[in-house]
Each structure stands twice: as C-alpha cells, then as structure tokens.
PDB file of N, CA and C in Angstrom:
ATOM      1  N   MET A   1      69.271  83.415 134.148  1.00  0.00           N
ATOM      2  CA  MET A   1      70.716  83.424 134.038  1.00  0.00           C
ATOM      3  C   MET A   1      71.274  84.221 135.256  1.00  0.00           C
ATOM      4  N   ASN A   2      72.111  83.589 135.994  1.00  0.00           N
ATOM      5  CA  ASN A   2      72.646  84.176 137.202  1.00  0.00           C
ATOM      6  C   ASN A   2      74.063  84.686 136.922  1.00  0.00           C
ATOM      7  N   THR A   3      74.228  85.989 136.941  1.00  0.00           N
ATOM      8  CA  THR A   3      75.557  86.565 136.759  1.00  0.00           C
ATOM      9  C   THR A   3      75.921  87.301 138.041  1.00  0.00           C
ATOM     10  N   THR A   4      77.061  86.980 138.535  1.00  0.00           N
ATOM     11  CA  THR A   4      77.531  87.666 139.719  1.00  0.00           C
ATOM     12  C   THR A   4      78.922  88.183 139.436  1.00  0.00           C
ATOM     13  N   ASP A   5      79.182  89.312 139.963  1.00  0.00           N
ATOM     14  CA  ASP A   5      80.522  89.902 139.846  1.00  0.00           C
ATOM     15  C   ASP A   5      81.360  89.517 141.044  1.00  0.00           C
ATOM     16  N   SER A   6      82.626  89.204 140.744  1.00  0.00           N
ATOM     17  CA  SER A   6      83.560  88.839 141.808  1.00  0.00           C
ATOM     18  C   SER A   6      84.646  89.896 141.837  1.00  0.00           C
ATOM     19  N   PHE A   7      85.053  90.212 143.017  1.00  0.00           N
ATOM     20  CA  PHE A   7      86.141  91.155 143.169  1.00  0.00           C
ATOM     21  C   PHE A   7      87.288  90.488 143.908  1.00  0.00           C
ATOM     22  N   LEU A   8      88.478  90.828 143.489  1.00  0.00           N
ATOM     23  CA  LEU A   8      89.643  90.251 144.102  1.00  0.00           C
ATOM     24  C   LEU A   8      90.535  91.392 144.521  1.00  0.00           C
ATOM     25  N   LEU A   9      90.939  91.393 145.744  1.00  0.00           N
ATOM     26  CA  LEU A   9      91.840  92.412 146.249  1.00  0.00           C
ATOM     27  C   LEU A   9      93.261  91.967 146.072  1.00  0.00           C
ATOM     28  N   VAL A  10      94.017  92.816 145.412  1.00  0.00           N
ATOM     29  CA  VAL A  10      95.443  92.514 145.148  1.00  0.00           C
ATOM     30  C   VAL A  10      96.224  93.689 145.691  1.00  0.00           C
ATOM     31  N   GLY A  11      97.266  93.412 146.368  1.00  0.00           N
ATOM     32  CA  GLY A  11      98.103  94.463 146.959  1.00  0.00           C
ATOM     33  C   GLY A  11      98.880  95.221 145.923  1.00  0.00           C
ATOM     34  N   ARG A  12      99.241  96.438 146.284  1.00  0.00           N
ATOM     35  CA  ARG A  12      99.981  97.346 145.380  1.00  0.00           C
ATOM     36  C   ARG A  12     101.324  96.725 144.983  1.00  0.00           C
ATOM     37  N   GLU A  13     102.003  96.092 145.929  1.00  0.00           N
ATOM     38  CA  GLU A  13     103.295  95.456 145.633  1.00  0.00           C
ATOM     39  C   GLU A  13     103.150  94.335 144.610  1.00  0.00           C
ATOM     40  N   GLU A  14     102.073  93.568 144.735  1.00  0.00           N
ATOM     41  CA  GLU A  14     101.840  92.483 143.772  1.00  0.00           C
ATOM     42  C   GLU A  14     101.544  93.020 142.382  1.00  0.00           C
ATOM     43  N   ILE A  15     100.792  94.089 142.316  1.00  0.00           N
ATOM     44  CA  ILE A  15     100.495  94.730 141.037  1.00  0.00           C
ATOM     45  C   ILE A  15     101.772  95.237 140.391  1.00  0.00           C
ATOM     46  N   GLU A  16     102.632  95.877 141.171  1.00  0.00           N
ATOM     47  CA  GLU A  16     103.905  96.380 140.655  1.00  0.00           C
ATOM     48  C   GLU A  16     104.774  95.225 140.160  1.00  0.00           C
ATOM     49  N   ALA A  17     104.780  94.122 140.849  1.00  0.00           N
ATOM     50  CA  ALA A  17     105.562  92.925 140.433  1.00  0.00           C
ATOM     51  C   ALA A  17     105.040  92.397 139.126  1.00  0.00           C
ATOM     52  N   ILE A  18     103.736  92.375 138.967  1.00  0.00           N
ATOM     53  CA  ILE A  18     103.136  91.880 137.703  1.00  0.00           C
ATOM     54  C   ILE A  18     103.525  92.842 136.528  1.00  0.00           C
ATOM     55  N   LYS A  19     103.414  94.145 136.792  1.00  0.00           N
ATOM     56  CA  LYS A  19     103.800  95.127 135.766  1.00  0.00           C
ATOM     57  C   LYS A  19     105.268  94.972 135.371  1.00  0.00           C
ATOM     58  N   CYS A  20     106.109  94.779 136.371  1.00  0.00           N
ATOM     59  CA  CYS A  20     107.535  94.628 136.104  1.00  0.00           C
ATOM     60  C   CYS A  20     107.791  93.389 135.237  1.00  0.00           C
ATOM     61  N   CYS A  21     107.134  92.275 135.560  1.00  0.00           N
ATOM     62  CA  CYS A  21     107.300  91.060 134.770  1.00  0.00           C
ATOM     63  C   CYS A  21     106.813  91.232 133.355  1.00  0.00           C
ATOM     64  N   GLN A  22     105.672  91.902 133.179  1.00  0.00           N
ATOM     65  CA  GLN A  22     105.144  92.139 131.843  1.00  0.00           C
ATOM     66  C   GLN A  22     106.078  93.011 131.032  1.00  0.00           C
ATOM     67  N   PHE A  23     106.672  94.020 131.681  1.00  0.00           N
ATOM     68  CA  PHE A  23     107.612  94.896 131.025  1.00  0.00           C
ATOM     69  C   PHE A  23     108.846  94.100 130.539  1.00  0.00           C
ATOM     70  N   GLU A  24     109.331  93.212 131.381  1.00  0.00           N
ATOM     71  CA  GLU A  24     110.487  92.381 131.009  1.00  0.00           C
ATOM     72  C   GLU A  24     110.139  91.466 129.829  1.00  0.00           C
ATOM     73  N   ILE A  25     108.930  90.892 129.855  1.00  0.00           N
ATOM     74  CA  ILE A  25     108.506  90.051 128.751  1.00  0.00           C
ATOM     75  C   ILE A  25     108.437  90.835 127.442  1.00  0.00           C
ATOM     76  N   LEU A  26     107.855  92.016 127.477  1.00  0.00           N
ATOM     77  CA  LEU A  26     107.782  92.836 126.292  1.00  0.00           C
ATOM     78  C   LEU A  26     109.156  93.218 125.774  1.00  0.00           C
ATOM     79  N   LYS A  27     110.068  93.541 126.688  1.00  0.00           N
ATOM     80  CA  LYS A  27     111.427  93.897 126.289  1.00  0.00           C
ATOM     81  C   LYS A  27     112.106  92.741 125.615  1.00  0.00           C
ATOM     82  N   LYS A  28     111.979  91.538 126.116  1.00  0.00           N
ATOM     83  CA  LYS A  28     112.617  90.355 125.538  1.00  0.00           C
ATOM     84  C   LYS A  28     111.973  90.020 124.175  1.00  0.00           C
ATOM     85  N   LEU A  29     110.673  90.193 124.050  1.00  0.00           N
ATOM     86  CA  LEU A  29     109.999  89.926 122.783  1.00  0.00           C
ATOM     87  C   LEU A  29     110.466  90.916 121.716  1.00  0.00           C
ATOM     88  N   ASN A  30     110.652  92.174 122.081  1.00  0.00           N
ATOM     89  CA  ASN A  30     111.166  93.179 121.123  1.00  0.00           C
ATOM     90  C   ASN A  30     112.581  92.842 120.693  1.00  0.00           C
ATOM     91  N   GLU A  31     113.414  92.391 121.625  1.00  0.00           N
ATOM     92  CA  GLU A  31     114.777  91.987 121.296  1.00  0.00           C
ATOM     93  C   GLU A  31     114.772  90.796 120.337  1.00  0.00           C
ATOM     94  N   LEU A  32     113.913  89.813 120.590  1.00  0.00           N
ATOM     95  CA  LEU A  32     113.798  88.661 119.706  1.00  0.00           C
ATOM     96  C   LEU A  32     113.353  89.060 118.311  1.00  0.00           C
ATOM     97  N   ASP A  33     112.414  90.003 118.276  1.00  0.00           N
ATOM     98  CA  ASP A  33     111.905  90.469 116.984  1.00  0.00           C
ATOM     99  C   ASP A  33     112.987  91.172 116.184  1.00  0.00           C
ATOM    100  N   LYS A  34     113.796  91.993 116.841  1.00  0.00           N
ATOM    101  CA  LYS A  34     114.887  92.675 116.150  1.00  0.00           C
ATOM    102  C   LYS A  34     115.926  91.681 115.691  1.00  0.00           C
ATOM    103  N   ASN A  35     116.233  90.684 116.503  1.00  0.00           N
ATOM    104  CA  ASN A  35     117.240  89.665 116.069  1.00  0.00           C
ATOM    105  C   ASN A  35     116.739  88.841 114.928  1.00  0.00           C
ATOM    106  N   ASN A  36     115.474  88.465 114.933  1.00  0.00           N
ATOM    107  CA  ASN A  36     114.903  87.632 113.850  1.00  0.00           C
ATOM    108  C   ASN A  36     114.844  88.394 112.541  1.00  0.00           C
ATOM    109  N   LYS A  37     114.612  89.679 112.583  1.00  0.00           N
ATOM    110  CA  LYS A  37     114.590  90.457 111.353  1.00  0.00           C
ATOM    111  C   LYS A  37     115.968  90.462 110.684  1.00  0.00           C
ATOM    112  N   ASN A  38     117.001  90.529 111.475  1.00  0.00           N
ATOM    113  CA  ASN A  38     118.345  90.538 110.943  1.00  0.00           C
ATOM    114  C   ASN A  38     118.753  89.183 110.380  1.00  0.00           C
ATOM    115  N   HIS A  39     118.290  88.087 110.975  1.00  0.00           N
ATOM    116  CA  HIS A  39     118.725  86.764 110.530  1.00  0.00           C
ATOM    117  C   HIS A  39     117.829  86.155 109.460  1.00  0.00           C
ATOM    118  N   ASP A  40     116.565  86.545 109.424  1.00  0.00           N
ATOM    119  CA  ASP A  40     115.627  85.961 108.467  1.00  0.00           C
ATOM    120  C   ASP A  40     115.910  86.398 107.042  1.00  0.00           C
ATOM    121  N   VAL A  41     116.268  87.650 106.878  1.00  0.00           N
ATOM    122  CA  VAL A  41     116.447  88.170 105.520  1.00  0.00           C
ATOM    123  C   VAL A  41     117.911  88.176 105.192  1.00  0.00           C
ATOM    124  N   LEU A  42     118.271  87.409 104.188  1.00  0.00           N
ATOM    125  CA  LEU A  42     119.631  87.413 103.680  1.00  0.00           C
ATOM    126  C   LEU A  42     119.768  88.564 102.694  1.00  0.00           C
ATOM    127  N   GLU A  43     120.765  89.347 102.908  1.00  0.00           N
ATOM    128  CA  GLU A  43     120.985  90.508 102.041  1.00  0.00           C
ATOM    129  C   GLU A  43     121.606  90.015 100.727  1.00  0.00           C
ATOM    130  N   SER A  44     120.890  90.178  99.666  1.00  0.00           N
ATOM    131  CA  SER A  44     121.361  89.721  98.368  1.00  0.00           C
ATOM    132  C   SER A  44     122.060  90.874  97.636  1.00  0.00           C
ATOM    133  N   PRO A  45     123.134  90.585  96.925  1.00  0.00           N
ATOM    134  CA  PRO A  45     123.801  91.644  96.159  1.00  0.00           C
ATOM    135  C   PRO A  45     123.073  91.958  94.848  1.00  0.00           C
ATOM    136  N   TYR A  46     121.970  91.253  94.584  1.00  0.00           N
ATOM    137  CA  TYR A  46     121.207  91.464  93.340  1.00  0.00           C
ATOM    138  C   TYR A  46     119.802  91.910  93.635  1.00  0.00           C
ATOM    139  N   ILE A  47     119.253  92.642  92.666  1.00  0.00           N
ATOM    140  CA  ILE A  47     117.852  92.990  92.706  1.00  0.00           C
ATOM    141  C   ILE A  47     117.220  92.523  91.381  1.00  0.00           C
ATOM    142  N   THR A  48     115.917  92.432  91.347  1.00  0.00           N
ATOM    143  CA  THR A  48     115.254  92.019  90.119  1.00  0.00           C
ATOM    144  C   THR A  48     115.240  93.182  89.135  1.00  0.00           C
ATOM    145  N   ALA A  49     115.006  92.845  87.884  1.00  0.00           N
ATOM    146  CA  ALA A  49     114.963  93.879  86.844  1.00  0.00           C
ATOM    147  C   ALA A  49     113.838  94.894  87.156  1.00  0.00           C
ATOM    148  N   LEU A  50     112.729  94.383  87.647  1.00  0.00           N
ATOM    149  CA  LEU A  50     111.614  95.292  87.983  1.00  0.00           C
ATOM    150  C   LEU A  50     111.981  96.251  89.082  1.00  0.00           C
ATOM    151  N   GLU A  51     112.689  95.720  90.126  1.00  0.00           N
ATOM    152  CA  GLU A  51     113.153  96.609  91.215  1.00  0.00           C
ATOM    153  C   GLU A  51     114.126  97.673  90.697  1.00  0.00           C
ATOM    154  N   PHE A  52     114.999  97.264  89.753  1.00  0.00           N
ATOM    155  CA  PHE A  52     115.924  98.215  89.144  1.00  0.00           C
ATOM    156  C   PHE A  52     115.165  99.299  88.418  1.00  0.00           C
ATOM    157  N   MET A  53     114.188  98.888  87.600  1.00  0.00           N
ATOM    158  CA  MET A  53     113.428  99.845  86.827  1.00  0.00           C
ATOM    159  C   MET A  53     112.651 100.807  87.727  1.00  0.00           C
ATOM    160  N   LYS A  54     112.156 100.316  88.844  1.00  0.00           N
ATOM    161  CA  LYS A  54     111.455 101.209  89.773  1.00  0.00           C
ATOM    162  C   LYS A  54     112.431 102.173  90.435  1.00  0.00           C
ATOM    163  N   ALA A  55     113.619 101.683  90.765  1.00  0.00           N
ATOM    164  CA  ALA A  55     114.609 102.506  91.453  1.00  0.00           C
ATOM    165  C   ALA A  55     115.081 103.655  90.556  1.00  0.00           C
ATOM    166  N   VAL A  56     115.292 103.414  89.286  1.00  0.00           N
ATOM    167  CA  VAL A  56     115.778 104.419  88.377  1.00  0.00           C
ATOM    168  C   VAL A  56     114.679 105.051  87.561  1.00  0.00           C
ATOM    169  N   ARG A  57     113.461 104.612  87.766  1.00  0.00           N
ATOM    170  CA  ARG A  57     112.266 105.162  87.118  1.00  0.00           C
ATOM    171  C   ARG A  57     112.349 105.124  85.613  1.00  0.00           C
ATOM    172  N   ILE A  58     112.497 103.916  85.094  1.00  0.00           N
ATOM    173  CA  ILE A  58     112.477 103.697  83.664  1.00  0.00           C
ATOM    174  C   ILE A  58     111.487 102.574  83.370  1.00  0.00           C
ATOM    175  N   ARG A  59     111.135 102.440  82.109  1.00  0.00           N
ATOM    176  CA  ARG A  59     110.227 101.374  81.672  1.00  0.00           C
ATOM    177  C   ARG A  59     111.028 100.253  81.041  1.00  0.00           C
ATOM    178  N   ARG A  60     110.358  99.178  80.683  1.00  0.00           N
ATOM    179  CA  ARG A  60     111.005  97.989  80.149  1.00  0.00           C
ATOM    180  C   ARG A  60     111.768  98.306  78.857  1.00  0.00           C
ATOM    181  N   TRP A  61     111.220  99.138  77.959  1.00  0.00           N
ATOM    182  CA  TRP A  61     111.883  99.454  76.716  1.00  0.00           C
ATOM    183  C   TRP A  61     113.261 100.052  76.948  1.00  0.00           C
ATOM    184  N   LYS A  62     113.320 101.029  77.856  1.00  0.00           N
ATOM    185  CA  LYS A  62     114.607 101.701  78.161  1.00  0.00           C
ATOM    186  C   LYS A  62     115.546 100.721  78.851  1.00  0.00           C
ATOM    187  N   PHE A  63     115.002  99.864  79.715  1.00  0.00           N
ATOM    188  CA  PHE A  63     115.807  98.848  80.393  1.00  0.00           C
ATOM    189  C   PHE A  63     116.464  97.917  79.326  1.00  0.00           C
ATOM    190  N   ASN A  64     115.647  97.468  78.368  1.00  0.00           N
ATOM    191  CA  ASN A  64     116.193  96.592  77.325  1.00  0.00           C
ATOM    192  C   ASN A  64     117.257  97.298  76.494  1.00  0.00           C
ATOM    193  N   CYS A  65     117.033  98.585  76.194  1.00  0.00           N
ATOM    194  CA  CYS A  65     118.034  99.357  75.461  1.00  0.00           C
ATOM    195  C   CYS A  65     119.361  99.437  76.255  1.00  0.00           C
ATOM    196  N   LEU A  66     119.282  99.671  77.550  1.00  0.00           N
ATOM    197  CA  LEU A  66     120.490  99.759  78.367  1.00  0.00           C
ATOM    198  C   LEU A  66     121.228  98.424  78.439  1.00  0.00           C
ATOM    199  N   VAL A  67     120.458  97.327  78.519  1.00  0.00           N
ATOM    200  CA  VAL A  67     121.043  96.004  78.590  1.00  0.00           C
ATOM    201  C   VAL A  67     121.731  95.694  77.250  1.00  0.00           C
ATOM    202  N   ASN A  68     121.014  95.943  76.130  1.00  0.00           N
ATOM    203  CA  ASN A  68     121.576  95.622  74.817  1.00  0.00           C
ATOM    204  C   ASN A  68     122.804  96.479  74.461  1.00  0.00           C
ATOM    205  N   SER A  69     122.853  97.702  74.998  1.00  0.00           N
ATOM    206  CA  SER A  69     124.034  98.557  74.698  1.00  0.00           C
ATOM    207  C   SER A  69     125.145  98.293  75.668  1.00  0.00           C
ATOM    208  N   GLY A  70     124.941  97.449  76.679  1.00  0.00           N
ATOM    209  CA  GLY A  70     126.000  97.130  77.630  1.00  0.00           C
ATOM    210  C   GLY A  70     126.192  98.144  78.727  1.00  0.00           C
ATOM    211  N   LYS A  71     125.235  99.036  78.909  1.00  0.00           N
ATOM    212  CA  LYS A  71     125.394 100.079  79.907  1.00  0.00           C
ATOM    213  C   LYS A  71     125.066  99.577  81.308  1.00  0.00           C
ATOM    214  N   ILE A  72     124.281  98.497  81.413  1.00  0.00           N
ATOM    215  CA  ILE A  72     124.077  97.874  82.698  1.00  0.00           C
ATOM    216  C   ILE A  72     124.287  96.358  82.567  1.00  0.00           C
ATOM    217  N   MET A  73     124.798  95.780  83.641  1.00  0.00           N
ATOM    218  CA  MET A  73     125.047  94.328  83.635  1.00  0.00           C
ATOM    219  C   MET A  73     123.822  93.624  84.202  1.00  0.00           C
ATOM    220  N   THR A  74     123.506  92.478  83.610  1.00  0.00           N
ATOM    221  CA  THR A  74     122.399  91.668  84.130  1.00  0.00           C
ATOM    222  C   THR A  74     122.844  90.227  84.257  1.00  0.00           C
ATOM    223  N   MET A  75     122.051  89.472  84.978  1.00  0.00           N
ATOM    224  CA  MET A  75     122.295  88.031  85.125  1.00  0.00           C
ATOM    225  C   MET A  75     120.930  87.348  85.019  1.00  0.00           C
ATOM    226  N   LYS A  76     120.846  86.340  84.214  1.00  0.00           N
ATOM    227  CA  LYS A  76     119.574  85.661  84.044  1.00  0.00           C
ATOM    228  C   LYS A  76     119.623  84.291  84.714  1.00  0.00           C
ATOM    229  N   LYS A  77     118.656  84.007  85.569  1.00  0.00           N
ATOM    230  CA  LYS A  77     118.566  82.710  86.200  1.00  0.00           C
ATOM    231  C   LYS A  77     117.160  82.225  85.974  1.00  0.00           C
ATOM    232  N   LYS A  78     117.077  81.141  85.239  1.00  0.00           N
ATOM    233  CA  LYS A  78     115.770  80.590  84.772  1.00  0.00           C
ATOM    234  C   LYS A  78     115.084  81.700  84.000  1.00  0.00           C
ATOM    235  N   ARG A  79     113.942  82.152  84.461  1.00  0.00           N
ATOM    236  CA  ARG A  79     113.212  83.186  83.716  1.00  0.00           C
ATOM    237  C   ARG A  79     113.315  84.554  84.322  1.00  0.00           C
ATOM    238  N   LYS A  80     114.100  84.684  85.406  1.00  0.00           N
ATOM    239  CA  LYS A  80     114.239  85.946  86.103  1.00  0.00           C
ATOM    240  C   LYS A  80     115.505  86.657  85.670  1.00  0.00           C
ATOM    241  N   ILE A  81     115.446  87.957  85.584  1.00  0.00           N
ATOM    242  CA  ILE A  81     116.607  88.786  85.270  1.00  0.00           C
ATOM    243  C   ILE A  81     116.985  89.555  86.541  1.00  0.00           C
ATOM    244  N   TYR A  82     118.247  89.442  86.893  1.00  0.00           N
ATOM    245  CA  TYR A  82     118.758  90.118  88.067  1.00  0.00           C
ATOM    246  C   TYR A  82     119.813  91.138  87.699  1.00  0.00           C
ATOM    247  N   VAL A  83     119.869  92.222  88.502  1.00  0.00           N
ATOM    248  CA  VAL A  83     120.830  93.272  88.261  1.00  0.00           C
ATOM    249  C   VAL A  83     121.617  93.479  89.554  1.00  0.00           C
ATOM    250  N   PRO A  84     122.957  93.569  89.482  1.00  0.00           N
ATOM    251  CA  PRO A  84     123.730  93.872  90.694  1.00  0.00           C
ATOM    252  C   PRO A  84     123.309  95.225  91.267  1.00  0.00           C
ATOM    253  N   LYS A  85     123.232  95.324  92.565  1.00  0.00           N
ATOM    254  CA  LYS A  85     122.785  96.588  93.190  1.00  0.00           C
ATOM    255  C   LYS A  85     123.685  97.779  92.835  1.00  0.00           C
ATOM    256  N   GLY A  86     124.919  97.561  92.614  1.00  0.00           N
ATOM    257  CA  GLY A  86     125.840  98.623  92.276  1.00  0.00           C
ATOM    258  C   GLY A  86     125.524  99.261  90.949  1.00  0.00           C
ATOM    259  N   GLU A  87     124.757  98.610  90.126  1.00  0.00           N
ATOM    260  CA  GLU A  87     124.414  99.200  88.811  1.00  0.00           C
ATOM    261  C   GLU A  87     123.530 100.422  88.938  1.00  0.00           C
ATOM    262  N   ILE A  88     122.779 100.536  90.029  1.00  0.00           N
ATOM    263  CA  ILE A  88     121.975 101.711  90.221  1.00  0.00           C
ATOM    264  C   ILE A  88     122.829 102.990  90.332  1.00  0.00           C
ATOM    265  N   GLU A  89     123.884 102.901  91.169  1.00  0.00           N
ATOM    266  CA  GLU A  89     124.770 104.051  91.328  1.00  0.00           C
ATOM    267  C   GLU A  89     125.530 104.317  89.999  1.00  0.00           C
ATOM    268  N   ARG A  90     125.938 103.234  89.347  1.00  0.00           N
ATOM    269  CA  ARG A  90     126.663 103.377  88.112  1.00  0.00           C
ATOM    270  C   ARG A  90     125.786 104.012  87.029  1.00  0.00           C
ATOM    271  N   TYR A  91     124.516 103.642  86.996  1.00  0.00           N
ATOM    272  CA  TYR A  91     123.583 104.207  86.033  1.00  0.00           C
ATOM    273  C   TYR A  91     123.479 105.710  86.202  1.00  0.00           C
ATOM    274  N   PHE A  92     123.289 106.150  87.460  1.00  0.00           N
ATOM    275  CA  PHE A  92     123.181 107.579  87.686  1.00  0.00           C
ATOM    276  C   PHE A  92     124.521 108.312  87.497  1.00  0.00           C
ATOM    277  N   ALA A  93     125.615 107.664  87.746  1.00  0.00           N
ATOM    278  CA  ALA A  93     126.925 108.290  87.529  1.00  0.00           C
ATOM    279  C   ALA A  93     127.163 108.510  86.041  1.00  0.00           C
ATOM    280  N   GLU A  94     126.756 107.578  85.197  1.00  0.00           N
ATOM    281  CA  GLU A  94     126.943 107.744  83.763  1.00  0.00           C
ATOM    282  C   GLU A  94     126.045 108.828  83.190  1.00  0.00           C
ATOM    283  N   ILE A  95     124.853 108.984  83.750  1.00  0.00           N
ATOM    284  CA  ILE A  95     123.927 110.008  83.257  1.00  0.00           C
ATOM    285  C   ILE A  95     124.455 111.399  83.532  1.00  0.00           C
ATOM    286  N   THR A  96     125.057 111.604  84.713  1.00  0.00           N
ATOM    287  CA  THR A  96     125.527 112.918  85.076  1.00  0.00           C
ATOM    288  C   THR A  96     126.790 113.322  84.353  1.00  0.00           C
ATOM    289  N   GLU A  97     127.493 112.390  83.774  1.00  0.00           N
ATOM    290  CA  GLU A  97     128.739 112.729  83.053  1.00  0.00           C
ATOM    291  C   GLU A  97     128.453 113.239  81.676  1.00  0.00           C
TER     292      GLU A  97
END
C-alpha cells in the first residue's frame, strides 16, 4: 500500500478569506436557526392538563376536584383536556387570598 503525504502551500491572505467566508456562513446559519425557532412553534393559549398539574405541582385527584368545583376552567377536545394558560396565575392568586 503506497501512502504519500501531499502538502499544499496557501497564502495567509487566502486563509484569512476562507476564515471570513466561514464566519459569514456560520452567522447566517445562526440567524436562520433563530428565525425558524420563532416561526415553527405557534404559541398556544392553552396547555394540557398534565402540563398544568406539573406547573402547580398537584396530582390528578386535586386537578379533578378543582375542575368539578369550578375553580379552574378546562376545555376538552377529543380525549385531551386543555387549560388556558392564565389559569395558572389565577390558581395561585386564589390560594394566597
């Protein structure tokens, strides 16, 4: 097996130009990534019941008690239960009163 090493001489100016181009490419990729994160995820005004329970640190039994007593509003779509995001603040506001 014949392996030979090859060397290529590149001038300092050419290396700097390559670095500059790579920096520009990275900068544009980062901008695209930031823009795509903002557009890909639609901000929903609702969270799932499980997310609500995690946020306020309660279990299903307490969640069902709050729903049945009308202390939190829910919306059911198919088999999923959704809670408006504002209910988290309202839940904590009612507890402190």
